[in-house]
All heavy atoms as atom14 arrays in JSON, in Angstrom:
{
  "sequence": "LAVDGDYAIEGVSVGEPFLIIPVRSIEALGRARINLQKWETTLRGS",
  "atom14_mask": [
    [1, 1, 1, 1, 1, 1, 1, 1, 0, 0, 0, 0, 0, 0],
    [1, 1, 1, 1, 1, 0, 0, 0, 0, 0, 0, 0, 0, 0],
    [1, 1, 1, 1, 1, 1, 1, 0, 0, 0, 0, 0, 0, 0],
    [1, 1, 1, 1, 1, 1, 1, 1, 0, 0, 0, 0, 0, 0],
    [1, 1, 1, 1, 0, 0, 0, 0, 0, 0, 0, 0, 0, 0],
    [1, 1, 1, 1, 1, 1, 1, 1, 0, 0, 0, 0, 0, 0],
    [1, 1, 1, 1, 1, 1, 1, 1, 1, 1, 1, 1, 0, 0],
    [1, 1, 1, 1, 1, 0, 0, 0, 0, 0, 0, 0, 0, 0],
    [1, 1, 1, 1, 1, 1, 1, 1, 0, 0, 0, 0, 0, 0],
    [1, 1, 1, 1, 1, 1, 1, 1, 1, 0, 0, 0, 0, 0],
    [1, 1, 1, 1, 0, 0, 0, 0, 0, 0, 0, 0, 0, 0],
    [1, 1, 1, 1, 1, 1, 1, 0, 0, 0, 0, 0, 0, 0],
    [1, 1, 1, 1, 1, 1, 0, 0, 0, 0, 0, 0, 0, 0],
    [1, 1, 1, 1, 1, 1, 1, 0, 0, 0, 0, 0, 0, 0],
    [1, 1, 1, 1, 0, 0, 0, 0, 0, 0, 0, 0, 0, 0],
    [1, 1, 1, 1, 1, 1, 1, 1, 1, 0, 0, 0, 0, 0],
    [1, 1, 1, 1, 1, 1, 1, 0, 0, 0, 0, 0, 0, 0],
    [1, 1, 1, 1, 1, 1, 1, 1, 1, 1, 1, 0, 0, 0],
    [1, 1, 1, 1, 1, 1, 1, 1, 0, 0, 0, 0, 0, 0],
    [1, 1, 1, 1, 1, 1, 1, 1, 0, 0, 0, 0, 0, 0],
    [1, 1, 1, 1, 1, 1, 1, 1, 0, 0, 0, 0, 0, 0],
    [1, 1, 1, 1, 1, 1, 1, 0, 0, 0, 0, 0, 0, 0],
    [1, 1, 1, 1, 1, 1, 1, 0, 0, 0, 0, 0, 0, 0],
    [1, 1, 1, 1, 1, 1, 1, 1, 1, 1, 1, 0, 0, 0],
    [1, 1, 1, 1, 1, 1, 0, 0, 0, 0, 0, 0, 0, 0],
    [1, 1, 1, 1, 1, 1, 1, 1, 0, 0, 0, 0, 0, 0],
    [1, 1, 1, 1, 1, 1, 1, 1, 1, 0, 0, 0, 0, 0],
    [1, 1, 1, 1, 1, 0, 0, 0, 0, 0, 0, 0, 0, 0],
    [1, 1, 1, 1, 1, 1, 1, 1, 0, 0, 0, 0, 0, 0],
    [1, 1, 1, 1, 0, 0, 0, 0, 0, 0, 0, 0, 0, 0],
    [1, 1, 1, 1, 1, 1, 1, 1, 1, 1, 1, 0, 0, 0],
    [1, 1, 1, 1, 1, 0, 0, 0, 0, 0, 0, 0, 0, 0],
    [1, 1, 1, 1, 1, 1, 1, 1, 1, 1, 1, 0, 0, 0],
    [1, 1, 1, 1, 1, 1, 1, 1, 0, 0, 0, 0, 0, 0],
    [1, 1, 1, 1, 1, 1, 1, 1, 0, 0, 0, 0, 0, 0],
    [1, 1, 1, 1, 1, 1, 1, 1, 0, 0, 0, 0, 0, 0],
    [1, 1, 1, 1, 1, 1, 1, 1, 1, 0, 0, 0, 0, 0],
    [1, 1, 1, 1, 1, 1, 1, 1, 1, 0, 0, 0, 0, 0],
    [1, 1, 1, 1, 1, 1, 1, 1, 1, 1, 1, 1, 1, 1],
    [1, 1, 1, 1, 1, 1, 1, 1, 1, 0, 0, 0, 0, 0],
    [1, 1, 1, 1, 1, 1, 1, 0, 0, 0, 0, 0, 0, 0],
    [1, 1, 1, 1, 1, 1, 1, 0, 0, 0, 0, 0, 0, 0],
    [1, 1, 1, 1, 1, 1, 1, 1, 0, 0, 0, 0, 0, 0],
    [1, 1, 1, 1, 1, 1, 1, 1, 1, 1, 1, 0, 0, 0],
    [1, 1, 1, 1, 0, 0, 0, 0, 0, 0, 0, 0, 0, 0],
    [1, 1, 1, 1, 1, 1, 0, 0, 0, 0, 0, 0, 0, 0]
  ],
  "atom14_positions": [
    [[-8.37, 12.39, -36.42], [-7.97, 12.49, -35.02], [-7.31, 13.84, -34.75], [-6.53, 14.35, -35.57], [-7.01, 11.36, -34.65], [-7.52, 9.93, -34.88], [-6.54, 8.93, -34.3], [-8.91, 9.73, -34.31], [0.0, 0.0, 0.0], [0.0, 0.0, 0.0], [0.0, 0.0, 0.0], [0.0, 0.0, 0.0], [0.0, 0.0, 0.0], [0.0, 0.0, 0.0]],
    [[-7.6, 14.42, -33.59], [-7.06, 15.72, -33.21], [-5.85, 15.53, -32.3], [-5.91, 15.8, -31.1], [-8.13, 16.56, -32.54], [0.0, 0.0, 0.0], [0.0, 0.0, 0.0], [0.0, 0.0, 0.0], [0.0, 0.0, 0.0], [0.0, 0.0, 0.0], [0.0, 0.0, 0.0], [0.0, 0.0, 0.0], [0.0, 0.0, 0.0], [0.0, 0.0, 0.0]],
    [[-4.77, 15.03, -32.87], [-3.6, 14.69, -32.06], [-2.4, 15.56, -32.4], [-1.27, 15.25, -32.02], [-3.23, 13.2, -32.25], [-4.28, 12.31, -31.65], [-3.01, 12.87, -33.72], [0.0, 0.0, 0.0], [0.0, 0.0, 0.0], [0.0, 0.0, 0.0], [0.0, 0.0, 0.0], [0.0, 0.0, 0.0], [0.0, 0.0, 0.0], [0.0, 0.0, 0.0]],
    [[-2.65, 16.68, -33.08], [-1.55, 17.55, -33.48], [-1.5, 18.84, -32.67], [-0.82, 19.79, -33.03], [-1.64, 17.88, -34.98], [-3.01, 18.4, -35.38], [-3.9, 18.48, -34.49], [-3.2, 18.73, -36.56], [0.0, 0.0, 0.0], [0.0, 0.0, 0.0], [0.0, 0.0, 0.0], [0.0, 0.0, 0.0], [0.0, 0.0, 0.0], [0.0, 0.0, 0.0]],
    [[-2.24, 18.89, -31.57], [-2.27, 20.08, -30.72], [-2.11, 19.71, -29.26], [-1.2, 18.95, -28.89], [0.0, 0.0, 0.0], [0.0, 0.0, 0.0], [0.0, 0.0, 0.0], [0.0, 0.0, 0.0], [0.0, 0.0, 0.0], [0.0, 0.0, 0.0], [0.0, 0.0, 0.0], [0.0, 0.0, 0.0], [0.0, 0.0, 0.0], [0.0, 0.0, 0.0]],
    [[-3.02, 20.21, -28.43], [-2.94, 19.96, -26.98], [-3.36, 18.56, -26.6], [-2.97, 18.05, -25.54], [-3.81, 20.96, -26.23], [-3.31, 22.39, -26.34], [-2.09, 22.56, -26.58], [-4.12, 23.32, -26.21], [0.0, 0.0, 0.0], [0.0, 0.0, 0.0], [0.0, 0.0, 0.0], [0.0, 0.0, 0.0], [0.0, 0.0, 0.0], [0.0, 0.0, 0.0]],
    [[-4.17, 17.92, -27.44], [-4.74, 16.63, -27.06], [-3.86, 15.49, -27.54], [-3.06, 15.63, -28.47], [-6.13, 16.47, -27.66], [-7.13, 17.5, -27.18], [-7.97, 18.16, -28.08], [-7.24, 17.82, -25.83], [-8.89, 19.1, -27.65], [-8.16, 18.76, -25.39], [-8.98, 19.4, -26.3], [-9.89, 20.32, -25.87], [0.0, 0.0, 0.0], [0.0, 0.0, 0.0]],
    [[-4.03, 14.34, -26.89], [-3.28, 13.13, -27.25], [-4.14, 11.91, -26.93], [-5.11, 12.0, -26.16], [-1.97, 13.06, -26.49], [0.0, 0.0, 0.0], [0.0, 0.0, 0.0], [0.0, 0.0, 0.0], [0.0, 0.0, 0.0], [0.0, 0.0, 0.0], [0.0, 0.0, 0.0], [0.0, 0.0, 0.0], [0.0, 0.0, 0.0], [0.0, 0.0, 0.0]],
    [[-3.8, 10.79, -27.52], [-4.44, 9.51, -27.17], [-3.8, 9.03, -25.88], [-2.57, 8.86, -25.81], [-4.24, 8.49, -28.3], [-4.81, 9.02, -29.62], [-4.87, 7.15, -27.93], [-4.4, 8.22, -30.83], [0.0, 0.0, 0.0], [0.0, 0.0, 0.0], [0.0, 0.0, 0.0], [0.0, 0.0, 0.0], [0.0, 0.0, 0.0], [0.0, 0.0, 0.0]],
    [[-4.63, 8.83, -24.86], [-4.06, 8.53, -23.53], [-5.03, 7.7, -22.7], [-6.23, 7.95, -22.71], [-3.74, 9.84, -22.81], [-3.03, 9.65, -21.48], [-2.57, 10.97, -20.88], [-3.12, 12.03, -21.24], [-1.66, 10.93, -20.03], [0.0, 0.0, 0.0], [0.0, 0.0, 0.0], [0.0, 0.0, 0.0], [0.0, 0.0, 0.0], [0.0, 0.0, 0.0]],
    [[-4.5, 6.73, -21.98], [-5.29, 5.96, -21.04], [-5.39, 6.68, -19.71], [-4.4, 7.21, -19.2], [0.0, 0.0, 0.0], [0.0, 0.0, 0.0], [0.0, 0.0, 0.0], [0.0, 0.0, 0.0], [0.0, 0.0, 0.0], [0.0, 0.0, 0.0], [0.0, 0.0, 0.0], [0.0, 0.0, 0.0], [0.0, 0.0, 0.0], [0.0, 0.0, 0.0]],
    [[-6.6, 6.71, -19.14], [-6.85, 7.39, -17.86], [-7.81, 6.54, -17.04], [-8.72, 5.9, -17.59], [-7.45, 8.8, -18.07], [-7.61, 9.5, -16.72], [-6.6, 9.65, -19.0], [0.0, 0.0, 0.0], [0.0, 0.0, 0.0], [0.0, 0.0, 0.0], [0.0, 0.0, 0.0], [0.0, 0.0, 0.0], [0.0, 0.0, 0.0], [0.0, 0.0, 0.0]],
    [[-7.63, 6.55, -15.72], [-8.51, 5.79, -14.84], [-8.74, 6.51, -13.53], [-7.8, 7.1, -12.96], [-7.92, 4.41, -14.55], [-8.72, 3.71, -13.6], [0.0, 0.0, 0.0], [0.0, 0.0, 0.0], [0.0, 0.0, 0.0], [0.0, 0.0, 0.0], [0.0, 0.0, 0.0], [0.0, 0.0, 0.0], [0.0, 0.0, 0.0], [0.0, 0.0, 0.0]],
    [[-9.99, 6.48, -13.04], [-10.28, 6.83, -11.65], [-10.91, 5.63, -10.95], [-11.62, 5.76, -9.97], [-11.2, 8.07, -11.54], [-10.51, 9.31, -12.04], [-12.52, 7.83, -12.26], [0.0, 0.0, 0.0], [0.0, 0.0, 0.0], [0.0, 0.0, 0.0], [0.0, 0.0, 0.0], [0.0, 0.0, 0.0], [0.0, 0.0, 0.0], [0.0, 0.0, 0.0]],
    [[-10.63, 4.46, -11.46], [-11.16, 3.21, -10.92], [-11.38, 2.18, -12.01], [-11.21, 0.98, -11.78], [0.0, 0.0, 0.0], [0.0, 0.0, 0.0], [0.0, 0.0, 0.0], [0.0, 0.0, 0.0], [0.0, 0.0, 0.0], [0.0, 0.0, 0.0], [0.0, 0.0, 0.0], [0.0, 0.0, 0.0], [0.0, 0.0, 0.0], [0.0, 0.0, 0.0]],
    [[-11.77, 2.64, -13.19], [-11.86, 1.8, -14.39], [-11.16, 2.54, -15.53], [-11.46, 3.71, -15.78], [-13.32, 1.52, -14.77], [-14.06, 0.6, -13.83], [-13.61, -0.85, -13.91], [-12.97, -1.23, -14.91], [-13.9, -1.6, -12.95], [0.0, 0.0, 0.0], [0.0, 0.0, 0.0], [0.0, 0.0, 0.0], [0.0, 0.0, 0.0], [0.0, 0.0, 0.0]],
    [[-10.2, 1.91, -16.22], [-9.44, 2.61, -17.25], [-10.21, 2.75, -18.57], [-10.95, 1.84, -18.96], [-8.21, 1.72, -17.46], [-8.23, 0.71, -16.36], [-9.66, 0.57, -15.95], [0.0, 0.0, 0.0], [0.0, 0.0, 0.0], [0.0, 0.0, 0.0], [0.0, 0.0, 0.0], [0.0, 0.0, 0.0], [0.0, 0.0, 0.0], [0.0, 0.0, 0.0]],
    [[-10.0, 3.88, -19.23], [-10.55, 4.14, -20.55], [-9.45, 4.78, -21.41], [-8.64, 5.55, -20.91], [-11.75, 5.08, -20.48], [-12.94, 4.5, -19.76], [-13.05, 4.62, -18.39], [-13.91, 3.8, -20.45], [-14.13, 4.09, -17.71], [-15.0, 3.25, -19.78], [-15.1, 3.39, -18.41], [0.0, 0.0, 0.0], [0.0, 0.0, 0.0], [0.0, 0.0, 0.0]],
    [[-9.48, 4.45, -22.69], [-8.56, 5.07, -23.63], [-9.26, 6.28, -24.23], [-10.27, 6.15, -24.93], [-8.15, 4.09, -24.73], [-7.1, 4.61, -25.71], [-5.78, 4.89, -25.0], [-6.9, 3.62, -26.85], [0.0, 0.0, 0.0], [0.0, 0.0, 0.0], [0.0, 0.0, 0.0], [0.0, 0.0, 0.0], [0.0, 0.0, 0.0], [0.0, 0.0, 0.0]],
    [[-8.74, 7.46, -23.95], [-9.36, 8.7, -24.42], [-8.75, 9.09, -25.77], [-7.53, 9.18, -25.91], [-9.19, 9.82, -23.38], [-9.93, 9.42, -22.09], [-9.71, 11.14, -23.91], [-9.85, 10.42, -20.98], [0.0, 0.0, 0.0], [0.0, 0.0, 0.0], [0.0, 0.0, 0.0], [0.0, 0.0, 0.0], [0.0, 0.0, 0.0], [0.0, 0.0, 0.0]],
    [[-9.64, 9.29, -26.75], [-9.21, 9.54, -28.12], [-9.85, 10.84, -28.61], [-11.08, 10.93, -28.7], [-9.63, 8.38, -29.06], [-9.07, 7.05, -28.54], [-9.16, 8.65, -30.48], [-9.6, 5.83, -29.29], [0.0, 0.0, 0.0], [0.0, 0.0, 0.0], [0.0, 0.0, 0.0], [0.0, 0.0, 0.0], [0.0, 0.0, 0.0], [0.0, 0.0, 0.0]],
    [[-9.04, 11.87, -28.92], [-9.6, 13.12, -29.43], [-9.92, 13.02, -30.92], [-9.11, 12.55, -31.71], [-8.47, 14.13, -29.18], [-7.22, 13.32, -29.21], [-7.58, 11.93, -28.71], [0.0, 0.0, 0.0], [0.0, 0.0, 0.0], [0.0, 0.0, 0.0], [0.0, 0.0, 0.0], [0.0, 0.0, 0.0], [0.0, 0.0, 0.0], [0.0, 0.0, 0.0]],
    [[-11.12, 13.45, -31.28], [-11.58, 13.41, -32.67], [-11.78, 14.85, -33.14], [-12.26, 15.71, -32.4], [-12.88, 12.6, -32.78], [-13.42, 12.61, -34.21], [-12.63, 11.15, -32.33], [0.0, 0.0, 0.0], [0.0, 0.0, 0.0], [0.0, 0.0, 0.0], [0.0, 0.0, 0.0], [0.0, 0.0, 0.0], [0.0, 0.0, 0.0], [0.0, 0.0, 0.0]],
    [[-11.41, 15.11, -34.39], [-11.34, 16.48, -34.88], [-12.69, 17.18, -35.01], [-12.79, 18.39, -34.86], [-10.62, 16.5, -36.24], [-10.14, 17.88, -36.66], [-9.25, 17.8, -37.88], [-8.06, 17.01, -37.65], [-6.97, 17.46, -37.0], [-6.97, 18.67, -36.49], [-5.92, 16.67, -36.85], [0.0, 0.0, 0.0], [0.0, 0.0, 0.0], [0.0, 0.0, 0.0]],
    [[-13.76, 16.44, -35.3], [-15.06, 17.08, -35.53], [-16.18, 16.18, -35.03], [-16.03, 14.96, -34.91], [-15.25, 17.36, -37.02], [-15.38, 16.15, -37.74], [0.0, 0.0, 0.0], [0.0, 0.0, 0.0], [0.0, 0.0, 0.0], [0.0, 0.0, 0.0], [0.0, 0.0, 0.0], [0.0, 0.0, 0.0], [0.0, 0.0, 0.0], [0.0, 0.0, 0.0]],
    [[-17.33, 16.8, -34.79], [-18.51, 16.04, -34.4], [-18.97, 15.16, -35.56], [-19.48, 14.05, -35.36], [-19.62, 16.99, -33.93], [-19.2, 17.62, -32.59], [-20.95, 16.26, -33.76], [-20.13, 18.67, -32.06], [0.0, 0.0, 0.0], [0.0, 0.0, 0.0], [0.0, 0.0, 0.0], [0.0, 0.0, 0.0], [0.0, 0.0, 0.0], [0.0, 0.0, 0.0]],
    [[-18.76, 15.62, -36.78], [-19.11, 14.82, -37.95], [-18.3, 13.53, -37.96], [-18.85, 12.43, -38.2], [-18.87, 15.63, -39.23], [-19.23, 14.94, -40.52], [-18.11, 14.05, -41.07], [-16.93, 14.34, -40.82], [-18.44, 13.05, -41.74], [0.0, 0.0, 0.0], [0.0, 0.0, 0.0], [0.0, 0.0, 0.0], [0.0, 0.0, 0.0], [0.0, 0.0, 0.0]],
    [[-17.0, 13.63, -37.72], [-16.16, 12.43, -37.67], [-16.54, 11.54, -36.49], [-16.56, 10.31, -36.6], [-14.69, 12.82, -37.58], [0.0, 0.0, 0.0], [0.0, 0.0, 0.0], [0.0, 0.0, 0.0], [0.0, 0.0, 0.0], [0.0, 0.0, 0.0], [0.0, 0.0, 0.0], [0.0, 0.0, 0.0], [0.0, 0.0, 0.0], [0.0, 0.0, 0.0]],
    [[-16.88, 12.16, -35.38], [-17.32, 11.39, -34.21], [-18.52, 10.53, -34.56], [-18.62, 9.37, -34.17], [-17.66, 12.36, -33.08], [-17.93, 11.76, -31.7], [-16.64, 11.29, -31.05], [-18.62, 12.77, -30.8], [0.0, 0.0, 0.0], [0.0, 0.0, 0.0], [0.0, 0.0, 0.0], [0.0, 0.0, 0.0], [0.0, 0.0, 0.0], [0.0, 0.0, 0.0]],
    [[-19.43, 11.08, -35.35], [-20.62, 10.34, -35.75], [-20.33, 9.18, -36.66], [-21.11, 8.21, -36.72], [0.0, 0.0, 0.0], [0.0, 0.0, 0.0], [0.0, 0.0, 0.0], [0.0, 0.0, 0.0], [0.0, 0.0, 0.0], [0.0, 0.0, 0.0], [0.0, 0.0, 0.0], [0.0, 0.0, 0.0], [0.0, 0.0, 0.0], [0.0, 0.0, 0.0]],
    [[-19.21, 9.22, -37.38], [-18.84, 8.13, -38.29], [-18.09, 7.0, -37.6], [-17.86, 5.94, -38.19], [-17.96, 8.68, -39.43], [-18.71, 9.53, -40.43], [-17.85, 9.83, -41.66], [-16.91, 10.92, -41.42], [-15.59, 10.81, -41.33], [-15.02, 9.6, -41.43], [-14.83, 11.86, -41.14], [0.0, 0.0, 0.0], [0.0, 0.0, 0.0], [0.0, 0.0, 0.0]],
    [[-17.67, 7.21, -36.37], [-16.83, 6.22, -35.68], [-17.59, 4.91, -35.44], [-18.77, 4.91, -35.09], [-16.34, 6.78, -34.36], [0.0, 0.0, 0.0], [0.0, 0.0, 0.0], [0.0, 0.0, 0.0], [0.0, 0.0, 0.0], [0.0, 0.0, 0.0], [0.0, 0.0, 0.0], [0.0, 0.0, 0.0], [0.0, 0.0, 0.0], [0.0, 0.0, 0.0]],
    [[-16.93, 3.81, -35.67], [-17.44, 2.47, -35.4], [-16.27, 1.63, -34.9], [-15.14, 1.78, -35.37], [-18.02, 1.81, -36.66], [-19.15, 2.57, -37.33], [-20.44, 2.5, -36.52], [-21.55, 3.12, -37.25], [-21.84, 4.42, -37.23], [-21.07, 5.26, -36.54], [-22.87, 4.89, -37.9], [0.0, 0.0, 0.0], [0.0, 0.0, 0.0], [0.0, 0.0, 0.0]],
    [[-16.52, 0.72, -33.99], [-15.45, -0.17, -33.53], [-15.2, -1.25, -34.58], [-16.12, -1.96, -35.0], [-15.8, -0.81, -32.18], [-15.64, 0.2, -31.05], [-14.89, -2.02, -31.88], [-14.21, 0.59, -30.75], [0.0, 0.0, 0.0], [0.0, 0.0, 0.0], [0.0, 0.0, 0.0], [0.0, 0.0, 0.0], [0.0, 0.0, 0.0], [0.0, 0.0, 0.0]],
    [[-13.96, -1.36, -34.99], [-13.5, -2.46, -35.83], [-13.05, -3.56, -34.87], [-11.93, -3.51, -34.34], [-12.36, -2.0, -36.73], [-11.82, -3.1, -37.64], [-11.84, -4.28, -37.28], [-11.31, -2.72, -38.8], [0.0, 0.0, 0.0], [0.0, 0.0, 0.0], [0.0, 0.0, 0.0], [0.0, 0.0, 0.0], [0.0, 0.0, 0.0], [0.0, 0.0, 0.0]],
    [[-13.93, -4.53, -34.61], [-13.64, -5.51, -33.57], [-12.4, -6.34, -33.86], [-11.64, -6.69, -32.94], [-14.86, -6.43, -33.37], [-16.0, -5.84, -32.54], [-17.18, -6.78, -32.52], [-15.53, -5.52, -31.12], [0.0, 0.0, 0.0], [0.0, 0.0, 0.0], [0.0, 0.0, 0.0], [0.0, 0.0, 0.0], [0.0, 0.0, 0.0], [0.0, 0.0, 0.0]],
    [[-12.16, -6.65, -35.12], [-10.97, -7.43, -35.45], [-9.71, -6.64, -35.12], [-8.77, -7.18, -34.52], [-10.99, -7.81, -36.93], [-9.81, -8.7, -37.34], [-9.9, -9.14, -38.79], [-10.84, -8.79, -39.49], [-8.92, -9.9, -39.23], [0.0, 0.0, 0.0], [0.0, 0.0, 0.0], [0.0, 0.0, 0.0], [0.0, 0.0, 0.0], [0.0, 0.0, 0.0]],
    [[-9.7, -5.35, -35.46], [-8.53, -4.52, -35.15], [-8.42, -4.3, -33.65], [-7.33, -4.28, -33.08], [-8.65, -3.19, -35.89], [-7.37, -2.37, -35.89], [-6.3, -3.03, -36.73], [-5.03, -2.19, -36.76], [-3.96, -2.84, -37.57], [0.0, 0.0, 0.0], [0.0, 0.0, 0.0], [0.0, 0.0, 0.0], [0.0, 0.0, 0.0], [0.0, 0.0, 0.0]],
    [[-9.57, -4.11, -32.98], [-9.56, -3.94, -31.53], [-8.99, -5.18, -30.84], [-8.21, -5.06, -29.89], [-10.99, -3.67, -31.05], [-11.13, -3.55, -29.55], [-10.94, -2.44, -28.8], [-11.46, -4.61, -28.64], [-11.15, -2.72, -27.47], [-11.46, -4.05, -27.35], [-11.76, -5.96, -28.8], [-11.75, -4.81, -26.22], [-12.05, -6.7, -27.67], [-12.04, -6.13, -26.4]],
    [[-9.37, -6.36, -31.32], [-8.88, -7.61, -30.73], [-7.36, -7.68, -30.76], [-6.72, -8.12, -29.8], [-9.46, -8.81, -31.48], [-10.94, -9.07, -31.24], [-11.19, -9.89, -29.98], [-10.21, -10.32, -29.36], [-12.37, -10.07, -29.64], [0.0, 0.0, 0.0], [0.0, 0.0, 0.0], [0.0, 0.0, 0.0], [0.0, 0.0, 0.0], [0.0, 0.0, 0.0]],
    [[-6.76, -7.29, -31.86], [-5.31, -7.43, -32.03], [-4.54, -6.25, -31.47], [-3.32, -6.32, -31.33], [-4.95, -7.6, -33.51], [-5.42, -6.46, -34.25], [-5.59, -8.86, -34.08], [0.0, 0.0, 0.0], [0.0, 0.0, 0.0], [0.0, 0.0, 0.0], [0.0, 0.0, 0.0], [0.0, 0.0, 0.0], [0.0, 0.0, 0.0], [0.0, 0.0, 0.0]],
    [[-5.25, -5.17, -31.13], [-4.56, -3.95, -30.7], [-4.79, -3.61, -29.23], [-3.85, -3.32, -28.5], [-5.03, -2.75, -31.57], [-4.8, -3.05, -32.93], [-4.28, -1.48, -31.2], [0.0, 0.0, 0.0], [0.0, 0.0, 0.0], [0.0, 0.0, 0.0], [0.0, 0.0, 0.0], [0.0, 0.0, 0.0], [0.0, 0.0, 0.0], [0.0, 0.0, 0.0]],
    [[-6.06, -3.64, -28.78], [-6.39, -3.13, -27.45], [-6.85, -4.19, -26.46], [-6.73, -3.98, -25.25], [-7.48, -2.06, -27.56], [-7.09, -0.76, -28.27], [-8.26, 0.2, -28.32], [-5.89, -0.11, -27.59], [0.0, 0.0, 0.0], [0.0, 0.0, 0.0], [0.0, 0.0, 0.0], [0.0, 0.0, 0.0], [0.0, 0.0, 0.0], [0.0, 0.0, 0.0]],
    [[-7.39, -5.31, -26.91], [-7.85, -6.32, -25.96], [-6.71, -6.74, -25.03], [-5.61, -7.05, -25.48], [-8.41, -7.55, -26.65], [-8.86, -8.63, -25.64], [-9.37, -9.88, -26.3], [-10.75, -9.78, -26.75], [-11.81, -9.9, -25.95], [-11.66, -10.07, -24.65], [-13.03, -9.82, -26.45], [0.0, 0.0, 0.0], [0.0, 0.0, 0.0], [0.0, 0.0, 0.0]],
    [[-6.99, -6.73, -23.75], [-5.98, -7.12, -22.77], [-5.05, -6.0, -22.37], [-4.22, -6.18, -21.46], [0.0, 0.0, 0.0], [0.0, 0.0, 0.0], [0.0, 0.0, 0.0], [0.0, 0.0, 0.0], [0.0, 0.0, 0.0], [0.0, 0.0, 0.0], [0.0, 0.0, 0.0], [0.0, 0.0, 0.0], [0.0, 0.0, 0.0], [0.0, 0.0, 0.0]],
    [[-5.16, -4.84, -22.99], [-4.3, -3.71, -22.63], [-4.86, -3.02, -21.38], [-5.98, -3.29, -20.95], [-4.2, -2.71, -23.78], [-5.44, -2.1, -24.03], [0.0, 0.0, 0.0], [0.0, 0.0, 0.0], [0.0, 0.0, 0.0], [0.0, 0.0, 0.0], [0.0, 0.0, 0.0], [0.0, 0.0, 0.0], [0.0, 0.0, 0.0], [0.0, 0.0, 0.0]]
  ]
}
């Protein structure tokens, strides 16, 4: 995650909210997968 500079993990909405997550490289972006169990306990309902 690229959270040590200008970017941060932040929720933003212009009508529907999304959690914006900065990733350090396109290679890492390609490896991303949703861990549904972790998502359920962390983000569902947020």
